[in-house]
Amino acid sequence: MRLAIAAMRQAGVTDKTGGPFGAVIVRDGQVLAVCGNSVRRDNDPTAHAEINAIRQACATLGTYDLSGAILYTSCECCPMCYAAASWARIEKIYYAASWRDYDDLFDDAAIHADMGLPPAERLLAPQQLLRDEALAVLKEFRLLPDGARY
């Protein structure tokens, strides 16, 4: 966790590459990634520390499957980072600061609450279009013997 907090300080205070967030991924005692937030540097709203660390760990291992890995993050994961950790099959997440500790700076809790609303009531009000066309592609994909299942 101290590596994640050091990356937090480096990204947010020293280098100012993004918000004050750091993340570390470890598997079998091996540190696979140590990353900070780089949203501002990269002009990429998805360049959160956890996402950067997941990308680095996957590149290091040559796989999208981080089963057995532990994510240490300086702050509680936002909904995007939590979902990415889940998709990567990360086994456990540890965090230092909670959403309440920095809700004056970032609105992670508000996004989380918004996602729990029915689609029509959400801030972005997602609407479904062309479902049948999408279902046709899913049908084709299901028939592929080598289609990715993750």
C-alpha atoms as a PDB file:
ATOM      1  CA  MET A   1       0.000   0.000   0.000  1.00  0.00           C
ATOM      2  CA  ARG A   2       2.901   2.356   0.655  1.00  0.00           C
ATOM      3  CA  LEU A   3       3.970   1.963  -2.996  1.00  0.00           C
ATOM      4  CA  ALA A   4       0.457   2.975  -4.070  1.00  0.00           C
ATOM      5  CA  ILE A   5       0.526   6.008  -1.779  1.00  0.00           C
ATOM      6  CA  ALA A   6       3.971   6.981  -3.098  1.00  0.00           C
ATOM      7  CA  ALA A   7       2.611   6.746  -6.669  1.00  0.00           C
ATOM      8  CA  MET A   8      -0.377   8.827  -5.506  1.00  0.00           C
ATOM      9  CA  ARG A   9       1.928  11.617  -4.304  1.00  0.00           C
ATOM     10  CA  GLN A  10       4.120  11.382  -7.424  1.00  0.00           C
ATOM     11  CA  ALA A  11       1.162  11.669  -9.830  1.00  0.00           C
ATOM     12  CA  GLY A  12      -0.931  14.218  -7.983  1.00  0.00           C
ATOM     13  CA  VAL A  13       1.554  16.441  -6.162  1.00  0.00           C
ATOM     14  CA  THR A  14       5.015  16.107  -7.709  1.00  0.00           C
ATOM     15  CA  ASP A  15       4.458  15.438 -11.426  1.00  0.00           C
ATOM     16  CA  LYS A  16       0.855  16.696 -11.596  1.00  0.00           C
ATOM     17  CA  THR A  17       0.042  14.112 -14.300  1.00  0.00           C
ATOM     18  CA  GLY A  18      -3.454  13.689 -12.899  1.00  0.00           C
ATOM     19  CA  GLY A  19      -5.359  13.364  -9.674  1.00  0.00           C
ATOM     20  CA  PRO A  20      -3.699  12.088  -6.511  1.00  0.00           C
ATOM     21  CA  PHE A  21      -4.192   8.396  -7.117  1.00  0.00           C
ATOM     22  CA  GLY A  22      -1.767   5.473  -7.179  1.00  0.00           C
ATOM     23  CA  ALA A  23      -2.165   1.744  -7.687  1.00  0.00           C
ATOM     24  CA  VAL A  24      -0.055  -1.392  -7.391  1.00  0.00           C
ATOM     25  CA  ILE A  25      -0.796  -4.901  -8.653  1.00  0.00           C
ATOM     26  CA  VAL A  26       0.916  -7.883  -7.044  1.00  0.00           C
ATOM     27  CA  ARG A  27       0.630 -11.584  -7.827  1.00  0.00           C
ATOM     28  CA  ASP A  28       2.493 -14.410  -6.141  1.00  0.00           C
ATOM     29  CA  GLY A  29       4.648 -11.886  -4.282  1.00  0.00           C
ATOM     30  CA  GLN A  30       5.766 -10.210  -7.530  1.00  0.00           C
ATOM     31  CA  VAL A  31       4.979  -6.536  -8.153  1.00  0.00           C
ATOM     32  CA  LEU A  32       3.545  -6.426 -11.661  1.00  0.00           C
ATOM     33  CA  ALA A  33       2.708  -2.724 -11.845  1.00  0.00           C
ATOM     34  CA  VAL A  34       3.085   0.535  -9.949  1.00  0.00           C
ATOM     35  CA  CYS A  35       1.205   3.395 -11.583  1.00  0.00           C
ATOM     36  CA  GLY A  36      -0.212   6.806 -10.898  1.00  0.00           C
ATOM     37  CA  ASN A  37      -3.108   8.682 -12.421  1.00  0.00           C
ATOM     38  CA  SER A  38      -2.235  10.257 -15.784  1.00  0.00           C
ATOM     39  CA  VAL A  39      -5.567  11.749 -16.873  1.00  0.00           C
ATOM     40  CA  ARG A  40      -4.130  15.243 -17.366  1.00  0.00           C
ATOM     41  CA  ARG A  41      -0.849  14.171 -18.933  1.00  0.00           C
ATOM     42  CA  ASP A  42      -2.509  11.789 -21.393  1.00  0.00           C
ATOM     43  CA  ASN A  43      -5.718  13.790 -21.933  1.00  0.00           C
ATOM     44  CA  ASP A  44      -7.473  10.511 -21.234  1.00  0.00           C
ATOM     45  CA  PRO A  45     -10.332  10.378 -18.714  1.00  0.00           C
ATOM     46  CA  THR A  46      -9.798   6.611 -18.368  1.00  0.00           C
ATOM     47  CA  ALA A  47      -6.138   6.932 -17.346  1.00  0.00           C
ATOM     48  CA  HIS A  48      -6.849   6.317 -13.674  1.00  0.00           C
ATOM     49  CA  ALA A  49      -4.060   4.734 -11.646  1.00  0.00           C
ATOM     50  CA  GLU A  50      -5.906   1.419 -11.396  1.00  0.00           C
ATOM     51  CA  ILE A  51      -6.568   1.269 -15.152  1.00  0.00           C
ATOM     52  CA  ASN A  52      -2.945   2.138 -15.882  1.00  0.00           C
ATOM     53  CA  ALA A  53      -1.792  -0.568 -13.471  1.00  0.00           C
ATOM     54  CA  ILE A  54      -4.133  -3.168 -14.978  1.00  0.00           C
ATOM     55  CA  ARG A  55      -2.848  -2.329 -18.461  1.00  0.00           C
ATOM     56  CA  GLN A  56       0.775  -2.547 -17.325  1.00  0.00           C
ATOM     57  CA  ALA A  57       0.275  -5.824 -15.438  1.00  0.00           C
ATOM     58  CA  CYS A  58      -1.515  -7.378 -18.411  1.00  0.00           C
ATOM     59  CA  ALA A  59       1.254  -6.252 -20.771  1.00  0.00           C
ATOM     60  CA  THR A  60       3.893  -7.641 -18.399  1.00  0.00           C
ATOM     61  CA  LEU A  61       2.169 -11.022 -18.243  1.00  0.00           C
ATOM     62  CA  GLY A  62       0.930 -11.081 -21.843  1.00  0.00           C
ATOM     63  CA  THR A  63      -2.666 -11.828 -20.820  1.00  0.00           C
ATOM     64  CA  TYR A  64      -5.893 -10.066 -19.909  1.00  0.00           C
ATOM     65  CA  ASP A  65      -6.443 -12.492 -17.027  1.00  0.00           C
ATOM     66  CA  LEU A  66      -4.988 -11.320 -13.721  1.00  0.00           C
ATOM     67  CA  SER A  67      -6.498 -14.125 -11.660  1.00  0.00           C
ATOM     68  CA  GLY A  68      -4.836 -14.365  -8.275  1.00  0.00           C
ATOM     69  CA  ALA A  69      -3.602 -10.770  -8.379  1.00  0.00           C
ATOM     70  CA  ILE A  70      -4.136  -8.235  -5.609  1.00  0.00           C
ATOM     71  CA  LEU A  71      -4.822  -4.553  -6.307  1.00  0.00           C
ATOM     72  CA  TYR A  72      -3.583  -2.012  -3.769  1.00  0.00           C
ATOM     73  CA  THR A  73      -4.971   1.430  -4.471  1.00  0.00           C
ATOM     74  CA  SER A  74      -4.471   4.697  -2.658  1.00  0.00           C
ATOM     75  CA  CYS A  75      -8.187   5.464  -2.828  1.00  0.00           C
ATOM     76  CA  GLU A  76     -11.389   3.462  -3.081  1.00  0.00           C
ATOM     77  CA  CYS A  77     -11.996   2.448  -6.696  1.00  0.00           C
ATOM     78  CA  CYS A  78     -14.382   4.486  -8.787  1.00  0.00           C
ATOM     79  CA  PRO A  79     -17.052   2.452 -10.610  1.00  0.00           C
ATOM     80  CA  MET A  80     -14.942   2.266 -13.792  1.00  0.00           C
ATOM     81  CA  CYS A  81     -11.848   0.981 -11.992  1.00  0.00           C
ATOM     82  CA  TYR A  82     -13.835  -1.475  -9.908  1.00  0.00           C
ATOM     83  CA  ALA A  83     -15.421  -2.882 -13.071  1.00  0.00           C
ATOM     84  CA  ALA A  84     -12.038  -3.094 -14.817  1.00  0.00           C
ATOM     85  CA  ALA A  85     -10.581  -4.975 -11.848  1.00  0.00           C
ATOM     86  CA  SER A  86     -13.508  -7.366 -11.998  1.00  0.00           C
ATOM     87  CA  TRP A  87     -13.077  -7.913 -15.758  1.00  0.00           C
ATOM     88  CA  ALA A  88      -9.360  -8.554 -15.166  1.00  0.00           C
ATOM     89  CA  ARG A  89     -10.308 -11.209 -12.575  1.00  0.00           C
ATOM     90  CA  ILE A  90      -8.354  -9.468  -9.816  1.00  0.00           C
ATOM     91  CA  GLU A  91      -8.825 -11.470  -6.628  1.00  0.00           C
ATOM     92  CA  LYS A  92      -8.876  -8.729  -3.983  1.00  0.00           C
ATOM     93  CA  ILE A  93      -8.773  -4.936  -3.661  1.00  0.00           C
ATOM     94  CA  TYR A  94      -7.270  -3.016  -0.746  1.00  0.00           C
ATOM     95  CA  TYR A  95      -7.616   0.779  -0.537  1.00  0.00           C
ATOM     96  CA  ALA A  96      -6.394   3.555   1.756  1.00  0.00           C
ATOM     97  CA  ALA A  97      -8.727   6.589   1.473  1.00  0.00           C
ATOM     98  CA  SER A  98     -12.488   6.171   0.988  1.00  0.00           C
ATOM     99  CA  TRP A  99     -14.837   8.121  -1.293  1.00  0.00           C
ATOM    100  CA  ARG A 100     -15.947  10.176   1.717  1.00  0.00           C
ATOM    101  CA  ASP A 101     -12.352  11.233   2.314  1.00  0.00           C
ATOM    102  CA  TYR A 102     -12.163  13.082  -1.010  1.00  0.00           C
ATOM    103  CA  ASP A 103     -15.744  13.756  -2.090  1.00  0.00           C
ATOM    104  CA  ASP A 104     -14.900  17.482  -2.188  1.00  0.00           C
ATOM    105  CA  LEU A 105     -12.461  16.713  -5.022  1.00  0.00           C
ATOM    106  CA  PHE A 106     -13.971  13.840  -7.055  1.00  0.00           C
ATOM    107  CA  ASP A 107     -17.532  12.545  -7.428  1.00  0.00           C
ATOM    108  CA  ASP A 108     -17.032   8.780  -7.350  1.00  0.00           C
ATOM    109  CA  ALA A 109     -19.893   8.261  -4.891  1.00  0.00           C
ATOM    110  CA  ALA A 110     -22.239  10.336  -7.050  1.00  0.00           C
ATOM    111  CA  ILE A 111     -21.420   8.253 -10.142  1.00  0.00           C
ATOM    112  CA  HIS A 112     -21.952   5.076  -8.149  1.00  0.00           C
ATOM    113  CA  ALA A 113     -25.352   6.329  -6.953  1.00  0.00           C
ATOM    114  CA  ASP A 114     -26.326   7.426 -10.473  1.00  0.00           C
ATOM    115  CA  MET A 115     -25.572   3.960 -11.873  1.00  0.00           C
ATOM    116  CA  GLY A 116     -28.044   2.456  -9.403  1.00  0.00           C
ATOM    117  CA  LEU A 117     -30.946   4.456 -10.841  1.00  0.00           C
ATOM    118  CA  PRO A 118     -33.196   3.179 -13.637  1.00  0.00           C
ATOM    119  CA  PRO A 119     -31.642   4.127 -17.013  1.00  0.00           C
ATOM    120  CA  ALA A 120     -34.142   6.890 -17.797  1.00  0.00           C
ATOM    121  CA  GLU A 121     -33.373   8.606 -14.472  1.00  0.00           C
ATOM    122  CA  ARG A 122     -29.580   8.550 -14.816  1.00  0.00           C
ATOM    123  CA  LEU A 123     -27.607  11.689 -15.583  1.00  0.00           C
ATOM    124  CA  LEU A 124     -26.729  10.449 -19.079  1.00  0.00           C
ATOM    125  CA  ALA A 125     -30.166   8.808 -19.596  1.00  0.00           C
ATOM    126  CA  PRO A 126     -28.974   5.836 -21.725  1.00  0.00           C
ATOM    127  CA  GLN A 127     -31.473   4.704 -24.347  1.00  0.00           C
ATOM    128  CA  GLN A 128     -31.542   1.460 -26.282  1.00  0.00           C
ATOM    129  CA  LEU A 129     -31.382   1.602 -30.100  1.00  0.00           C
ATOM    130  CA  LEU A 130     -31.164  -1.051 -32.854  1.00  0.00           C
ATOM    131  CA  ARG A 131     -31.357  -3.988 -30.435  1.00  0.00           C
ATOM    132  CA  ASP A 132     -32.285  -6.529 -33.129  1.00  0.00           C
ATOM    133  CA  GLU A 133     -29.222  -5.625 -35.201  1.00  0.00           C
ATOM    134  CA  ALA A 134     -26.963  -6.037 -32.184  1.00  0.00           C
ATOM    135  CA  LEU A 135     -28.638  -9.351 -31.310  1.00  0.00           C
ATOM    136  CA  ALA A 136     -27.893 -10.621 -34.829  1.00  0.00           C
ATOM    137  CA  VAL A 137     -24.165  -9.980 -34.304  1.00  0.00           C
ATOM    138  CA  LEU A 138     -24.273 -11.665 -30.887  1.00  0.00           C
ATOM    139  CA  LYS A 139     -25.906 -14.681 -32.524  1.00  0.00           C
ATOM    140  CA  GLU A 140     -23.058 -14.861 -35.067  1.00  0.00           C
ATOM    141  CA  PHE A 141     -20.477 -14.514 -32.306  1.00  0.00           C
ATOM    142  CA  ARG A 142     -22.025 -17.334 -30.274  1.00  0.00           C
ATOM    143  CA  LEU A 143     -21.507 -19.654 -33.251  1.00  0.00           C
ATOM    144  CA  LEU A 144     -17.764 -18.990 -33.424  1.00  0.00           C
ATOM    145  CA  PRO A 145     -15.830 -21.915 -31.956  1.00  0.00           C
ATOM    146  CA  ASP A 146     -12.941 -19.634 -30.987  1.00  0.00           C
ATOM    147  CA  GLY A 147     -14.935 -16.611 -29.815  1.00  0.00           C
ATOM    148  CA  ALA A 148     -13.436 -14.955 -26.753  1.00  0.00           C
ATOM    149  CA  ARG A 149     -15.227 -15.727 -23.518  1.00  0.00           C
ATOM    150  CA  TYR A 150     -14.019 -13.654 -20.615  1.00  0.00           C
END
